[in-house]
Every structure is written in C-alpha cells, then in structure tokens.
Amino acid sequence: MQFTGGVNWTKTDFLIAGGLLFGAGIIIEIIFRKIKIRNYKLVLVSTVLIIVILIWMELAVGILGSLFSGN
C-alpha cells in the first residue's frame, strides 16, 4: 500500500469498500429526499451509519465471527 506495508488490500477489498460507501450514500440521499420530519431523518441516518460501521468492522477484523470476517 502507499503509506505502510501493514495493510494489504486487494481489488476485491476496494470494490467491496466502495460499494458499501456508495450504497450507504445512496440510502442516506433517499432518506433526505423522502423523509420530511427532522427527527426521523436523524434516527434513520444514524442507523445507516451504525450499520455501515458494524459491517466495516466485521469485514476488517471479524467482531461478530461470521463467515465474512477478516483475518
């Protein structure tokens, strides 16, 4: 990798990370366009961000121990 040798991402890792971030961005954009009540927007966007963080952590280090967890 560019700054350190401790990180070794493959093309698949970049595609998955990009898809995860792109999908979260699209979902958040839909929430902002469709939901009119501010409190609902806050709860839904927070939920999306928490889910993205949990998926990212699971793929990186396997906090939940699923089949998709990192090593």
Protein backbone atom coordinates (compact mmCIF):
# COMPACT_ATOMS: atom_id res chain seq x y z
CA MET A 1 0.00 0.00 0.00
CA GLN A 2 1.03 3.60 -0.35
CA PHE A 3 1.95 4.54 3.24
CA THR A 4 2.55 1.27 5.08
CA GLY A 5 3.16 -2.36 4.30
CA GLY A 6 0.88 -3.49 7.14
CA VAL A 7 -2.25 -3.09 5.01
CA ASN A 8 -2.67 -5.40 2.05
CA TRP A 9 -5.95 -4.69 0.25
CA THR A 10 -6.81 -6.47 -2.96
CA LYS A 11 -9.00 -5.17 -5.79
CA THR A 12 -11.92 -7.03 -4.27
CA ASP A 13 -11.43 -5.23 -0.95
CA PHE A 14 -11.56 -1.86 -2.71
CA LEU A 15 -14.68 -2.87 -4.65
CA ILE A 16 -16.47 -4.02 -1.50
CA ALA A 17 -15.49 -0.87 0.43
CA GLY A 18 -16.55 1.34 -2.47
CA GLY A 19 -19.86 -0.48 -2.83
CA LEU A 20 -20.52 -0.23 0.89
CA LEU A 21 -19.83 3.52 0.95
CA PHE A 22 -21.71 4.16 -2.31
CA GLY A 23 -24.73 2.17 -1.11
CA ALA A 24 -24.79 3.99 2.22
CA GLY A 25 -24.56 7.33 0.42
CA ILE A 26 -27.46 6.45 -1.87
CA ILE A 27 -29.61 5.29 1.06
CA ILE A 28 -28.84 8.47 3.02
CA GLU A 29 -29.68 10.60 -0.03
CA ILE A 30 -33.03 8.81 -0.37
CA ILE A 31 -33.72 9.40 3.32
CA PHE A 32 -33.01 13.13 2.94
CA ARG A 33 -35.28 13.40 -0.10
CA LYS A 34 -38.23 11.30 1.09
CA ILE A 35 -38.44 11.86 4.86
CA LYS A 36 -39.71 15.27 5.90
CA ILE A 37 -39.62 15.00 9.71
CA ARG A 38 -36.19 16.01 11.03
CA ASN A 39 -36.14 13.58 13.96
CA TYR A 40 -36.94 10.63 11.68
CA LYS A 41 -34.12 11.68 9.36
CA LEU A 42 -31.68 11.78 12.26
CA VAL A 43 -32.68 8.33 13.51
CA LEU A 44 -32.60 6.73 10.06
CA VAL A 45 -29.26 8.27 9.01
CA SER A 46 -27.73 7.31 12.36
CA THR A 47 -28.98 3.76 11.89
CA VAL A 48 -27.49 3.54 8.40
CA LEU A 49 -24.14 4.85 9.64
CA ILE A 50 -24.08 2.41 12.57
CA ILE A 51 -24.84 -0.49 10.23
CA VAL A 52 -22.07 0.59 7.83
CA ILE A 53 -19.58 0.84 10.70
CA LEU A 54 -20.56 -2.60 12.00
CA ILE A 55 -20.24 -4.17 8.55
CA TRP A 56 -16.87 -2.46 8.03
CA MET A 57 -15.62 -3.72 11.40
CA GLU A 58 -16.87 -7.23 10.69
CA LEU A 59 -15.14 -7.34 7.33
CA ALA A 60 -11.94 -5.89 8.80
CA VAL A 61 -11.44 -7.89 11.98
CA GLY A 62 -14.44 -10.14 12.49
CA ILE A 63 -16.03 -8.72 15.64
CA LEU A 64 -19.09 -10.93 15.21
CA GLY A 65 -17.31 -14.04 13.96
CA SER A 66 -19.28 -14.52 10.73
CA LEU A 67 -18.09 -16.32 7.62
CA PHE A 68 -17.24 -12.96 6.04
CA SER A 69 -14.98 -11.76 8.81
CA GLY A 70 -11.45 -10.62 8.17
CA ASN A 71 -8.41 -12.48 9.39
